[in-house]
Amino acid sequence: KTISTLLARHTSTESRNQARIQTLMGTMASASDMILFFVALVALLSLVGINIAGILGTASVAGLAFGFGAQKLIKDVITGFFLLVEDQYAVGDYVSVGTVTGTVEDLALRITRIRDDDGRLHTLSNGDVIQVCNHSRGPLSATIDIGVAPDTDIHQAISALEPALLEWSVTTGLPEMARVDGIHSADATRVALRIILKTNPGQRPATLTPRLRQICRDALTEAGLRPA
């Protein structure tokens, strides 16, 4: 009840928050049940006149041995608990954990399952999660370079790109219009114009840039300019 009350102050009806609350409540309920069962059992044995000193001593030694033997398991569970409490990532977030980058499919107390862009499912122990980069918790910026022939009128190229960028930004629902930042590089074969865009939280630039490149090339071709 305490965890539910505290988390409800900072959560809404989003499914990821509800799932996090349910996981934490289930974990705390299970731990509380085990503790209460042990206390009740010891109290009952004491009431019927059984010496509980030996039982407590045995339980202490057994608990110590279990702790040494299950250090990795305990570390995974404790880390998973804090991952949920601190809301570092949730199911559906696009994250980078170590060398694995993909979408979180499952977040439990002991393990995290992430599916990468190639469809492979990675199962990570929560105790091994040291550094997390969450790509879904804020707007992301991306840049792409569009090449034109070296003899192209740059002002004409920018004038051709801007209406296409405006229409695409509105259609895609970007928080800001994608814009041409200017010449990024130039050589004897091409001049690269750099385009900067910002995405909404949860939008991945990598899924948007292929379509944006095609739109830019079409806009240049329609204006009679030659992409490079």
C-alpha atoms as a PDB file:
ATOM      1  CA  LYS A   1       0.000   0.000   0.000  1.00  0.00           C
ATOM      2  CA  THR A   2       2.859   2.370   0.822  1.00  0.00           C
ATOM      3  CA  ILE A   3       4.585   1.806  -2.523  1.00  0.00           C
ATOM      4  CA  SER A   4       1.317   2.204  -4.418  1.00  0.00           C
ATOM      5  CA  THR A   5       0.571   5.497  -2.642  1.00  0.00           C
ATOM      6  CA  LEU A   6       4.052   6.937  -3.220  1.00  0.00           C
ATOM      7  CA  LEU A   7       4.235   6.005  -6.891  1.00  0.00           C
ATOM      8  CA  ALA A   8       0.693   7.153  -7.616  1.00  0.00           C
ATOM      9  CA  ARG A   9       1.760  10.724  -6.838  1.00  0.00           C
ATOM     10  CA  HIS A  10       4.154  10.711  -9.790  1.00  0.00           C
ATOM     11  CA  THR A  11       2.348   8.494 -12.261  1.00  0.00           C
ATOM     12  CA  SER A  12      -0.559   8.709 -14.611  1.00  0.00           C
ATOM     13  CA  THR A  13      -2.637   6.077 -16.327  1.00  0.00           C
ATOM     14  CA  GLU A  14       0.191   5.137 -18.690  1.00  0.00           C
ATOM     15  CA  SER A  15       0.512   1.392 -19.051  1.00  0.00           C
ATOM     16  CA  ARG A  16       4.236   1.381 -18.320  1.00  0.00           C
ATOM     17  CA  ASN A  17       3.665   3.102 -14.965  1.00  0.00           C
ATOM     18  CA  GLN A  18       0.837   0.759 -14.077  1.00  0.00           C
ATOM     19  CA  ALA A  19       2.982  -2.261 -14.936  1.00  0.00           C
ATOM     20  CA  ARG A  20       5.812  -0.895 -12.805  1.00  0.00           C
ATOM     21  CA  ILE A  21       3.500  -0.396  -9.816  1.00  0.00           C
ATOM     22  CA  GLN A  22       2.054  -3.887 -10.169  1.00  0.00           C
ATOM     23  CA  THR A  23       5.522  -5.462 -10.319  1.00  0.00           C
ATOM     24  CA  LEU A  24       6.699  -3.590  -7.234  1.00  0.00           C
ATOM     25  CA  MET A  25       3.538  -4.360  -5.309  1.00  0.00           C
ATOM     26  CA  GLY A  26       3.764  -8.054  -6.170  1.00  0.00           C
ATOM     27  CA  THR A  27       7.394  -8.214  -5.094  1.00  0.00           C
ATOM     28  CA  MET A  28       6.827  -6.452  -1.799  1.00  0.00           C
ATOM     29  CA  ALA A  29       3.734  -8.545  -1.110  1.00  0.00           C
ATOM     30  CA  SER A  30       5.658 -11.781  -1.659  1.00  0.00           C
ATOM     31  CA  ALA A  31       8.511 -10.637   0.580  1.00  0.00           C
ATOM     32  CA  SER A  32       6.074  -9.535   3.279  1.00  0.00           C
ATOM     33  CA  ASP A  33       4.238 -12.866   3.148  1.00  0.00           C
ATOM     34  CA  MET A  34       7.474 -14.810   3.624  1.00  0.00           C
ATOM     35  CA  ILE A  35       8.582 -12.649   6.556  1.00  0.00           C
ATOM     36  CA  LEU A  36       5.191 -12.790   8.254  1.00  0.00           C
ATOM     37  CA  PHE A  37       4.986 -16.552   7.773  1.00  0.00           C
ATOM     38  CA  PHE A  38       8.399 -17.056   9.398  1.00  0.00           C
ATOM     39  CA  VAL A  39       7.573 -14.735  12.330  1.00  0.00           C
ATOM     40  CA  ALA A  40       4.208 -16.411  12.863  1.00  0.00           C
ATOM     41  CA  LEU A  41       5.785 -19.872  12.772  1.00  0.00           C
ATOM     42  CA  VAL A  42       8.443 -18.916  15.328  1.00  0.00           C
ATOM     43  CA  ALA A  43       5.822 -17.304  17.591  1.00  0.00           C
ATOM     44  CA  LEU A  44       3.586 -20.374  17.369  1.00  0.00           C
ATOM     45  CA  LEU A  45       6.433 -22.744  18.261  1.00  0.00           C
ATOM     46  CA  SER A  46       7.332 -20.517  21.207  1.00  0.00           C
ATOM     47  CA  LEU A  47       3.733 -20.594  22.467  1.00  0.00           C
ATOM     48  CA  VAL A  48       3.588 -24.390  22.454  1.00  0.00           C
ATOM     49  CA  GLY A  49       6.790 -24.581  24.493  1.00  0.00           C
ATOM     50  CA  ILE A  50       9.326 -25.497  21.814  1.00  0.00           C
ATOM     51  CA  ASN A  51      12.780 -23.982  22.247  1.00  0.00           C
ATOM     52  CA  ILE A  52      13.227 -21.720  19.220  1.00  0.00           C
ATOM     53  CA  ALA A  53      16.860 -20.775  19.902  1.00  0.00           C
ATOM     54  CA  GLY A  54      18.142 -23.711  17.878  1.00  0.00           C
ATOM     55  CA  ILE A  55      15.713 -22.972  15.057  1.00  0.00           C
ATOM     56  CA  LEU A  56      16.787 -19.329  14.898  1.00  0.00           C
ATOM     57  CA  GLY A  57      20.446 -20.321  14.928  1.00  0.00           C
ATOM     58  CA  THR A  58      19.897 -22.833  12.128  1.00  0.00           C
ATOM     59  CA  ALA A  59      17.917 -20.287  10.125  1.00  0.00           C
ATOM     60  CA  SER A  60      20.696 -17.726  10.539  1.00  0.00           C
ATOM     61  CA  VAL A  61      23.371 -20.129   9.334  1.00  0.00           C
ATOM     62  CA  ALA A  62      21.168 -21.323   6.472  1.00  0.00           C
ATOM     63  CA  GLY A  63      20.425 -17.730   5.472  1.00  0.00           C
ATOM     64  CA  LEU A  64      24.122 -16.876   5.528  1.00  0.00           C
ATOM     65  CA  ALA A  65      24.975 -19.889   3.378  1.00  0.00           C
ATOM     66  CA  PHE A  66      22.173 -19.079   0.950  1.00  0.00           C
ATOM     67  CA  GLY A  67      23.364 -15.485   0.747  1.00  0.00           C
ATOM     68  CA  PHE A  68      26.901 -16.522  -0.164  1.00  0.00           C
ATOM     69  CA  GLY A  69      25.669 -19.071  -2.688  1.00  0.00           C
ATOM     70  CA  ALA A  70      23.174 -16.756  -4.352  1.00  0.00           C
ATOM     71  CA  GLN A  71      25.085 -13.482  -4.437  1.00  0.00           C
ATOM     72  CA  LYS A  72      24.506 -13.049  -8.181  1.00  0.00           C
ATOM     73  CA  LEU A  73      20.788 -13.776  -7.845  1.00  0.00           C
ATOM     74  CA  ILE A  74      20.425 -11.326  -4.967  1.00  0.00           C
ATOM     75  CA  LYS A  75      22.369  -8.684  -6.894  1.00  0.00           C
ATOM     76  CA  ASP A  76      20.098  -9.164  -9.927  1.00  0.00           C
ATOM     77  CA  VAL A  77      16.937  -8.851  -7.831  1.00  0.00           C
ATOM     78  CA  ILE A  78      18.118  -5.779  -5.907  1.00  0.00           C
ATOM     79  CA  THR A  79      19.248  -4.052  -9.105  1.00  0.00           C
ATOM     80  CA  GLY A  80      15.951  -4.927 -10.808  1.00  0.00           C
ATOM     81  CA  PHE A  81      14.049  -3.473  -7.863  1.00  0.00           C
ATOM     82  CA  PHE A  82      15.872  -0.145  -8.169  1.00  0.00           C
ATOM     83  CA  LEU A  83      15.491  -0.155 -11.969  1.00  0.00           C
ATOM     84  CA  LEU A  84      11.745  -0.277 -11.404  1.00  0.00           C
ATOM     85  CA  VAL A  85      11.669   2.244  -8.549  1.00  0.00           C
ATOM     86  CA  GLU A  86      13.902   4.762 -10.356  1.00  0.00           C
ATOM     87  CA  ASP A  87      12.091   4.170 -13.655  1.00  0.00           C
ATOM     88  CA  GLN A  88      15.342   4.107 -15.634  1.00  0.00           C
ATOM     89  CA  TYR A  89      13.535   2.387 -18.501  1.00  0.00           C
ATOM     90  CA  ALA A  90      10.263   0.587 -19.088  1.00  0.00           C
ATOM     91  CA  VAL A  91       8.674  -1.834 -21.518  1.00  0.00           C
ATOM     92  CA  GLY A  92       8.523  -0.231 -24.961  1.00  0.00           C
ATOM     93  CA  ASP A  93      11.481   2.116 -24.441  1.00  0.00           C
ATOM     94  CA  TYR A  94      14.303   2.109 -26.996  1.00  0.00           C
ATOM     95  CA  VAL A  95      17.512   1.789 -24.985  1.00  0.00           C
ATOM     96  CA  SER A  96      21.210   1.004 -25.183  1.00  0.00           C
ATOM     97  CA  VAL A  97      22.495  -1.260 -22.417  1.00  0.00           C
ATOM     98  CA  GLY A  98      26.168  -2.067 -22.883  1.00  0.00           C
ATOM     99  CA  THR A  99      26.597  -3.349 -26.416  1.00  0.00           C
ATOM    100  CA  VAL A 100      22.878  -4.110 -26.856  1.00  0.00           C
ATOM    101  CA  THR A 101      20.540  -1.566 -28.439  1.00  0.00           C
ATOM    102  CA  GLY A 102      16.857  -2.238 -29.006  1.00  0.00           C
ATOM    103  CA  THR A 103      13.333  -2.125 -27.613  1.00  0.00           C
ATOM    104  CA  VAL A 104      12.630  -3.347 -24.087  1.00  0.00           C
ATOM    105  CA  GLU A 105      10.140  -6.225 -24.311  1.00  0.00           C
ATOM    106  CA  ASP A 106      10.174  -7.348 -20.679  1.00  0.00           C
ATOM    107  CA  LEU A 107      11.445  -5.901 -17.407  1.00  0.00           C
ATOM    108  CA  ALA A 108      11.363  -8.207 -14.402  1.00  0.00           C
ATOM    109  CA  LEU A 109      13.199  -8.177 -11.108  1.00  0.00           C
ATOM    110  CA  ARG A 110      15.953 -10.517 -12.287  1.00  0.00           C
ATOM    111  CA  ILE A 111      16.216 -10.072 -16.051  1.00  0.00           C
ATOM    112  CA  THR A 112      15.573  -7.596 -18.858  1.00  0.00           C
ATOM    113  CA  ARG A 113      14.683  -8.698 -22.383  1.00  0.00           C
ATOM    114  CA  ILE A 114      15.640  -6.407 -25.277  1.00  0.00           C
ATOM    115  CA  ARG A 115      14.886  -7.033 -28.954  1.00  0.00           C
ATOM    116  CA  ASP A 116      17.353  -5.370 -31.305  1.00  0.00           C
ATOM    117  CA  ASP A 117      16.684  -3.942 -34.761  1.00  0.00           C
ATOM    118  CA  ASP A 118      17.537  -7.278 -36.398  1.00  0.00           C
ATOM    119  CA  GLY A 119      14.863  -9.077 -34.392  1.00  0.00           C
ATOM    120  CA  ARG A 120      17.232 -10.856 -32.010  1.00  0.00           C
ATOM    121  CA  LEU A 121      16.069 -11.147 -28.390  1.00  0.00           C
ATOM    122  CA  HIS A 122      18.743 -10.409 -25.782  1.00  0.00           C
ATOM    123  CA  THR A 123      18.218 -11.521 -22.176  1.00  0.00           C
ATOM    124  CA  LEU A 124      20.294  -9.517 -19.699  1.00  0.00           C
ATOM    125  CA  SER A 125      20.738 -10.060 -15.978  1.00  0.00           C
ATOM    126  CA  ASN A 126      19.768  -6.874 -14.166  1.00  0.00           C
ATOM    127  CA  GLY A 127      22.916  -7.127 -12.056  1.00  0.00           C
ATOM    128  CA  ASP A 128      24.966  -6.652 -15.227  1.00  0.00           C
ATOM    129  CA  VAL A 129      23.204  -3.397 -16.133  1.00  0.00           C
ATOM    130  CA  ILE A 130      25.795  -0.737 -15.361  1.00  0.00           C
ATOM    131  CA  GLN A 131      25.005   2.096 -17.774  1.00  0.00           C
ATOM    132  CA  VAL A 132      21.747   2.769 -19.595  1.00  0.00           C
ATOM    133  CA  CYS A 133      21.080   5.184 -22.440  1.00  0.00           C
ATOM    134  CA  ASN A 134      17.334   5.671 -22.861  1.00  0.00           C
ATOM    135  CA  HIS A 135      16.478   7.056 -26.299  1.00  0.00           C
ATOM    136  CA  SER A 136      12.739   7.373 -25.541  1.00  0.00           C
ATOM    137  CA  ARG A 137      12.678   9.896 -22.714  1.00  0.00           C
ATOM    138  CA  GLY A 138      13.188  13.084 -24.684  1.00  0.00           C
ATOM    139  CA  PRO A 139      13.455  14.618 -28.144  1.00  0.00           C
ATOM    140  CA  LEU A 140      16.401  13.410 -30.209  1.00  0.00           C
ATOM    141  CA  SER A 141      18.395  15.354 -32.773  1.00  0.00           C
ATOM    142  CA  ALA A 142      19.755  13.940 -35.987  1.00  0.00           C
ATOM    143  CA  THR A 143      21.651  15.216 -38.993  1.00  0.00           C
ATOM    144  CA  ILE A 144      21.760  14.007 -42.576  1.00  0.00           C
ATOM    145  CA  ASP A 145      23.830  15.227 -45.511  1.00  0.00           C
ATOM    146  CA  ILE A 146      22.337  15.738 -48.953  1.00  0.00           C
ATOM    147  CA  GLY A 147      24.806  15.968 -51.812  1.00  0.00           C
ATOM    148  CA  VAL A 148      24.446  18.205 -54.852  1.00  0.00           C
ATOM    149  CA  ALA A 149      26.688  18.754 -57.870  1.00  0.00           C
ATOM    150  CA  PRO A 150      29.618  21.110 -57.184  1.00  0.00           C
ATOM    151  CA  ASP A 151      28.363  23.697 -59.706  1.00  0.00           C
ATOM    152  CA  THR A 152      24.908  23.901 -58.087  1.00  0.00           C
ATOM    153  CA  ASP A 153      23.529  27.247 -56.972  1.00  0.00           C
ATOM    154  CA  ILE A 154      23.387  26.630 -53.196  1.00  0.00           C
ATOM    155  CA  HIS A 155      20.745  29.312 -52.570  1.00  0.00           C
ATOM    156  CA  GLN A 156      18.527  27.729 -55.203  1.00  0.00           C
ATOM    157  CA  ALA A 157      19.058  24.293 -53.638  1.00  0.00           C
ATOM    158  CA  ILE A 158      18.107  25.546 -50.180  1.00  0.00           C
ATOM    159  CA  SER A 159      15.027  27.296 -51.602  1.00  0.00           C
ATOM    160  CA  ALA A 160      13.980  24.020 -53.222  1.00  0.00           C
ATOM    161  CA  LEU A 161      14.500  22.002 -50.037  1.00  0.00           C
ATOM    162  CA  GLU A 162      12.792  24.264 -47.503  1.00  0.00           C
ATOM    163  CA  PRO A 163       9.152  23.801 -48.691  1.00  0.00           C
ATOM    164  CA  ALA A 164       9.646  20.032 -48.876  1.00  0.00           C
ATOM    165  CA  LEU A 165      11.150  19.980 -45.397  1.00  0.00           C
ATOM    166  CA  LEU A 166       8.291  22.059 -44.010  1.00  0.00           C
ATOM    167  CA  GLU A 167       5.614  19.788 -45.500  1.00  0.00           C
ATOM    168  CA  TRP A 168       7.409  16.636 -44.336  1.00  0.00           C
ATOM    169  CA  SER A 169       7.913  18.011 -40.807  1.00  0.00           C
ATOM    170  CA  VAL A 170       4.216  18.832 -40.448  1.00  0.00           C
ATOM    171  CA  THR A 171       3.130  15.470 -41.875  1.00  0.00           C
ATOM    172  CA  THR A 172       5.513  13.572 -39.595  1.00  0.00           C
ATOM    173  CA  GLY A 173       4.499  15.611 -36.539  1.00  0.00           C
ATOM    174  CA  LEU A 174       7.963  16.847 -35.618  1.00  0.00           C
ATOM    175  CA  PRO A 175       8.231  19.375 -32.756  1.00  0.00           C
ATOM    176  CA  GLU A 176      10.314  21.674 -34.978  1.00  0.00           C
ATOM    177  CA  MET A 177      10.694  22.048 -38.709  1.00  0.00           C
ATOM    178  CA  ALA A 178      13.682  20.275 -40.209  1.00  0.00           C
ATOM    179  CA  ARG A 179      16.050  22.892 -41.572  1.00  0.00           C
ATOM    180  CA  VAL A 180      19.050  23.218 -43.847  1.00  0.00           C
ATOM    181  CA  ASP A 181      22.031  24.237 -41.725  1.00  0.00           C
ATOM    182  CA  GLY A 182      24.236  25.063 -44.693  1.00  0.00           C
ATOM    183  CA  ILE A 183      27.240  23.531 -46.408  1.00  0.00           C
ATOM    184  CA  HIS A 184      28.833  20.774 -44.371  1.00  0.00           C
ATOM    185  CA  SER A 185      31.580  19.758 -46.787  1.00  0.00           C
ATOM    186  CA  ALA A 186      32.610  20.252 -50.382  1.00  0.00           C
ATOM    187  CA  ASP A 187      35.022  18.651 -52.821  1.00  0.00           C
ATOM    188  CA  ALA A 188      35.471  18.263 -56.548  1.00  0.00           C
ATOM    189  CA  THR A 189      32.605  15.772 -56.864  1.00  0.00           C
ATOM    190  CA  ARG A 190      29.868  17.065 -54.550  1.00  0.00           C
ATOM    191  CA  VAL A 191      28.728  19.682 -52.079  1.00  0.00           C
ATOM    192  CA  ALA A 192      27.085  18.278 -48.945  1.00  0.00           C
ATOM    193  CA  LEU A 193      24.218  20.254 -47.424  1.00  0.00           C
ATOM    194  CA  ARG A 194      23.524  19.384 -43.779  1.00  0.00           C
ATOM    195  CA  ILE A 195      19.912  19.021 -42.621  1.00  0.00           C
ATOM    196  CA  ILE A 196      19.072  19.062 -38.900  1.00  0.00           C
ATOM    197  CA  LEU A 197      15.881  17.613 -37.445  1.00  0.00           C
ATOM    198  CA  LYS A 198      14.472  16.997 -33.974  1.00  0.00           C
ATOM    199  CA  THR A 199      12.084  14.177 -33.163  1.00  0.00           C
ATOM    200  CA  ASN A 200       9.411  13.680 -30.530  1.00  0.00           C
ATOM    201  CA  PRO A 201      10.104  11.397 -27.550  1.00  0.00           C
ATOM    202  CA  GLY A 202       9.833   7.822 -28.776  1.00  0.00           C
ATOM    203  CA  GLN A 203      10.503   8.697 -32.415  1.00  0.00           C
ATOM    204  CA  ARG A 204      13.714   7.182 -33.728  1.00  0.00           C
ATOM    205  CA  PRO A 205      15.574   9.324 -36.273  1.00  0.00           C
ATOM    206  CA  ALA A 206      16.899   6.203 -37.995  1.00  0.00           C
ATOM    207  CA  THR A 207      13.369   5.302 -39.070  1.00  0.00           C
ATOM    208  CA  LEU A 208      12.710   8.787 -40.492  1.00  0.00           C
ATOM    209  CA  THR A 209      15.899   9.643 -42.355  1.00  0.00           C
ATOM    210  CA  PRO A 210      15.487   7.238 -45.336  1.00  0.00           C
ATOM    211  CA  ARG A 211      12.178   8.855 -46.286  1.00  0.00           C
ATOM    212  CA  LEU A 212      13.634  12.330 -45.698  1.00  0.00           C
ATOM    213  CA  ARG A 213      16.536  11.616 -48.035  1.00  0.00           C
ATOM    214  CA  GLN A 214      14.148  10.548 -50.777  1.00  0.00           C
ATOM    215  CA  ILE A 215      11.993  13.656 -50.320  1.00  0.00           C
ATOM    216  CA  CYS A 216      15.066  15.908 -50.544  1.00  0.00           C
ATOM    217  CA  ARG A 217      16.325  14.228 -53.700  1.00  0.00           C
ATOM    218  CA  ASP A 218      12.862  14.496 -55.296  1.00  0.00           C
ATOM    219  CA  ALA A 219      12.655  18.191 -54.394  1.00  0.00           C
ATOM    220  CA  LEU A 220      16.049  18.883 -55.960  1.00  0.00           C
ATOM    221  CA  THR A 221      15.160  16.943 -59.114  1.00  0.00           C
ATOM    222  CA  GLU A 222      11.859  18.804 -59.506  1.00  0.00           C
ATOM    223  CA  ALA A 223      13.755  22.099 -59.230  1.00  0.00           C
ATOM    224  CA  GLY A 224      16.053  21.042 -62.069  1.00  0.00           C
ATOM    225  CA  LEU A 225      19.040  20.462 -59.792  1.00  0.00           C
ATOM    226  CA  ARG A 226      21.243  17.401 -59.878  1.00  0.00           C
ATOM    227  CA  PRO A 227      21.709  15.443 -56.614  1.00  0.00           C
ATOM    228  CA  ALA A 228      25.125  13.917 -56.066  1.00  0.00           C
END
